[in-house]
Amino acid sequence: MAITYNEDKRSGLTYAYETTYVWDKEKKQSRSKRTLIGRVDETTGEIVPTDGRGRKRSPNYVPSEDEYQMPTTVKELKSEVLRLLEENKMLRDKVDTLTKKLKKS
């Protein structure tokens, strides 16, 4: 997984994407899949989350306490990705142990 930045040539805005690479067995080539994270603020360099259609959130929007807060800097985003990868591994291990228990019974 990597964070990539692409500049839109028409608008001049820079967007941040989470890029994952997958191996295509048939074509024997690497393929990339991108997911939009948000727009990069020109002055601060922070990633401003968008809804995927280029819109900003309403100025009256107030997130609830239990709502996920998107990281705003690249450093925060990288640490969040690492945390989620560790959580994913832990959950996969749990699934494996439960699957083994089911097969034994």
C-alpha atoms as a PDB file:
ATOM      1  CA  MET A   1       0.000   0.000   0.000  1.00  0.00           C
ATOM      2  CA  ALA A   2       1.233   3.460  -0.842  1.00  0.00           C
ATOM      3  CA  ILE A   3      -0.027   7.004  -0.846  1.00  0.00           C
ATOM      4  CA  THR A   4       0.281   8.666  -4.231  1.00  0.00           C
ATOM      5  CA  TYR A   5      -0.359  12.246  -5.285  1.00  0.00           C
ATOM      6  CA  ASN A   6      -1.751  13.228  -8.669  1.00  0.00           C
ATOM      7  CA  GLU A   7      -2.280  16.731  -9.984  1.00  0.00           C
ATOM      8  CA  ASP A   8      -5.432  17.358 -11.988  1.00  0.00           C
ATOM      9  CA  LYS A   9      -4.190  19.176 -15.098  1.00  0.00           C
ATOM     10  CA  ARG A  10      -7.530  20.887 -15.737  1.00  0.00           C
ATOM     11  CA  SER A  11      -8.055  22.332 -12.257  1.00  0.00           C
ATOM     12  CA  GLY A  12      -4.473  22.333 -10.984  1.00  0.00           C
ATOM     13  CA  LEU A  13      -5.568  20.656  -7.722  1.00  0.00           C
ATOM     14  CA  THR A  14      -3.551  17.829  -6.186  1.00  0.00           C
ATOM     15  CA  TYR A  15      -5.362  14.735  -4.907  1.00  0.00           C
ATOM     16  CA  ALA A  16      -4.096  12.007  -2.572  1.00  0.00           C
ATOM     17  CA  TYR A  17      -4.872   8.362  -3.350  1.00  0.00           C
ATOM     18  CA  GLU A  18      -4.291   5.121  -1.476  1.00  0.00           C
ATOM     19  CA  THR A  19      -2.761   2.771  -4.025  1.00  0.00           C
ATOM     20  CA  THR A  20      -2.661  -1.010  -3.664  1.00  0.00           C
ATOM     21  CA  TYR A  21      -0.827  -3.279  -6.044  1.00  0.00           C
ATOM     22  CA  VAL A  22      -2.184  -6.647  -7.175  1.00  0.00           C
ATOM     23  CA  TRP A  23      -0.475  -9.289  -9.304  1.00  0.00           C
ATOM     24  CA  ASP A  24      -2.444 -10.261 -12.429  1.00  0.00           C
ATOM     25  CA  LYS A  25      -1.655 -13.967 -12.923  1.00  0.00           C
ATOM     26  CA  GLU A  26      -3.029 -14.118 -16.454  1.00  0.00           C
ATOM     27  CA  LYS A  27      -1.048 -11.185 -17.833  1.00  0.00           C
ATOM     28  CA  LYS A  28       1.865 -11.690 -15.406  1.00  0.00           C
ATOM     29  CA  GLN A  29       1.914  -7.990 -14.583  1.00  0.00           C
ATOM     30  CA  SER A  30       1.344  -5.832 -11.565  1.00  0.00           C
ATOM     31  CA  ARG A  31      -1.912  -3.851 -11.536  1.00  0.00           C
ATOM     32  CA  SER A  32      -2.689  -0.907  -9.292  1.00  0.00           C
ATOM     33  CA  LYS A  33      -5.988  -0.014  -7.684  1.00  0.00           C
ATOM     34  CA  ARG A  34      -6.476   3.545  -6.407  1.00  0.00           C
ATOM     35  CA  THR A  35      -8.900   4.849  -3.807  1.00  0.00           C
ATOM     36  CA  LEU A  36      -9.377   8.581  -3.344  1.00  0.00           C
ATOM     37  CA  ILE A  37      -8.419   9.823   0.115  1.00  0.00           C
ATOM     38  CA  GLY A  38      -8.907  13.541  -0.441  1.00  0.00           C
ATOM     39  CA  ARG A  39      -7.574  16.788  -1.803  1.00  0.00           C
ATOM     40  CA  VAL A  40      -4.188  18.160  -0.718  1.00  0.00           C
ATOM     41  CA  ASP A  41      -4.396  21.657   0.763  1.00  0.00           C
ATOM     42  CA  GLU A  42      -1.959  23.895  -1.122  1.00  0.00           C
ATOM     43  CA  THR A  43      -0.971  26.026   1.880  1.00  0.00           C
ATOM     44  CA  THR A  44      -0.629  23.427   4.661  1.00  0.00           C
ATOM     45  CA  GLY A  45      -0.002  20.240   2.659  1.00  0.00           C
ATOM     46  CA  GLU A  46      -2.665  18.415   4.683  1.00  0.00           C
ATOM     47  CA  ILE A  47      -5.027  15.933   3.069  1.00  0.00           C
ATOM     48  CA  VAL A  48      -8.600  17.258   3.216  1.00  0.00           C
ATOM     49  CA  PRO A  49     -11.051  14.328   2.969  1.00  0.00           C
ATOM     50  CA  THR A  50     -13.632  14.553   0.191  1.00  0.00           C
ATOM     51  CA  ASP A  51     -16.693  12.453  -0.471  1.00  0.00           C
ATOM     52  CA  GLY A  52     -15.220  11.224  -3.763  1.00  0.00           C
ATOM     53  CA  ARG A  53     -17.105  13.693  -5.916  1.00  0.00           C
ATOM     54  CA  GLY A  54     -14.928  16.729  -5.263  1.00  0.00           C
ATOM     55  CA  ARG A  55     -17.302  18.224  -2.720  1.00  0.00           C
ATOM     56  CA  LYS A  56     -16.321  19.543   0.667  1.00  0.00           C
ATOM     57  CA  ARG A  57     -18.373  18.752   3.741  1.00  0.00           C
ATOM     58  CA  SER A  58     -21.015  21.236   4.802  1.00  0.00           C
ATOM     59  CA  PRO A  59     -19.665  24.051   7.005  1.00  0.00           C
ATOM     60  CA  ASN A  60     -22.389  23.157   9.528  1.00  0.00           C
ATOM     61  CA  TYR A  61     -21.255  19.503   9.706  1.00  0.00           C
ATOM     62  CA  VAL A  62     -20.295  18.356  13.206  1.00  0.00           C
ATOM     63  CA  PRO A  63     -19.002  14.775  13.517  1.00  0.00           C
ATOM     64  CA  SER A  64     -20.307  12.689  16.393  1.00  0.00           C
ATOM     65  CA  GLU A  65     -17.873  11.384  19.012  1.00  0.00           C
ATOM     66  CA  ASP A  66     -18.057   7.783  17.777  1.00  0.00           C
ATOM     67  CA  GLU A  67     -17.566   8.732  14.109  1.00  0.00           C
ATOM     68  CA  TYR A  68     -14.209   7.858  12.562  1.00  0.00           C
ATOM     69  CA  GLN A  69     -11.917  10.848  12.129  1.00  0.00           C
ATOM     70  CA  MET A  70      -9.845  10.739   8.953  1.00  0.00           C
ATOM     71  CA  PRO A  71      -6.132  11.472   9.481  1.00  0.00           C
ATOM     72  CA  THR A  72      -5.195  14.899   8.177  1.00  0.00           C
ATOM     73  CA  THR A  73      -1.456  14.557   7.614  1.00  0.00           C
ATOM     74  CA  VAL A  74       0.562  12.006   5.691  1.00  0.00           C
ATOM     75  CA  LYS A  75       2.336  10.934   8.891  1.00  0.00           C
ATOM     76  CA  GLU A  76      -0.994  10.322  10.667  1.00  0.00           C
ATOM     77  CA  LEU A  77      -2.325   8.492   7.634  1.00  0.00           C
ATOM     78  CA  LYS A  78       0.696   6.169   7.465  1.00  0.00           C
ATOM     79  CA  SER A  79       0.415   5.318  11.156  1.00  0.00           C
ATOM     80  CA  GLU A  80      -3.319   4.661  10.747  1.00  0.00           C
ATOM     81  CA  VAL A  81      -2.655   2.332   7.793  1.00  0.00           C
ATOM     82  CA  LEU A  82      -0.099   0.408   9.863  1.00  0.00           C
ATOM     83  CA  ARG A  83      -2.547   0.143  12.772  1.00  0.00           C
ATOM     84  CA  LEU A  84      -5.267  -1.168  10.461  1.00  0.00           C
ATOM     85  CA  LEU A  85      -2.893  -3.697   8.895  1.00  0.00           C
ATOM     86  CA  GLU A  86      -2.020  -5.028  12.361  1.00  0.00           C
ATOM     87  CA  GLU A  87      -5.709  -5.189  13.285  1.00  0.00           C
ATOM     88  CA  ASN A  88      -6.457  -6.998  10.029  1.00  0.00           C
ATOM     89  CA  LYS A  89      -3.739  -9.594  10.744  1.00  0.00           C
ATOM     90  CA  MET A  90      -5.075 -10.152  14.255  1.00  0.00           C
ATOM     91  CA  LEU A  91      -8.609 -10.663  12.942  1.00  0.00           C
ATOM     92  CA  ARG A  92      -7.407 -13.078  10.251  1.00  0.00           C
ATOM     93  CA  ASP A  93      -5.592 -15.095  12.928  1.00  0.00           C
ATOM     94  CA  LYS A  94      -8.807 -15.254  14.968  1.00  0.00           C
ATOM     95  CA  VAL A  95     -10.736 -16.439  11.921  1.00  0.00           C
ATOM     96  CA  ASP A  96      -8.112 -19.134  11.291  1.00  0.00           C
ATOM     97  CA  THR A  97      -8.287 -20.423  14.880  1.00  0.00           C
ATOM     98  CA  LEU A  98     -12.089 -20.471  14.816  1.00  0.00           C
ATOM     99  CA  THR A  99     -12.071 -22.298  11.478  1.00  0.00           C
ATOM    100  CA  LYS A 100      -9.697 -24.938  12.894  1.00  0.00           C
ATOM    101  CA  LYS A 101     -11.941 -25.371  15.956  1.00  0.00           C
ATOM    102  CA  LEU A 102     -14.978 -25.877  13.714  1.00  0.00           C
ATOM    103  CA  LYS A 103     -13.172 -28.485  11.613  1.00  0.00           C
ATOM    104  CA  LYS A 104     -12.182 -30.423  14.749  1.00  0.00           C
ATOM    105  CA  SER A 105     -15.770 -30.627  16.014  1.00  0.00           C
END
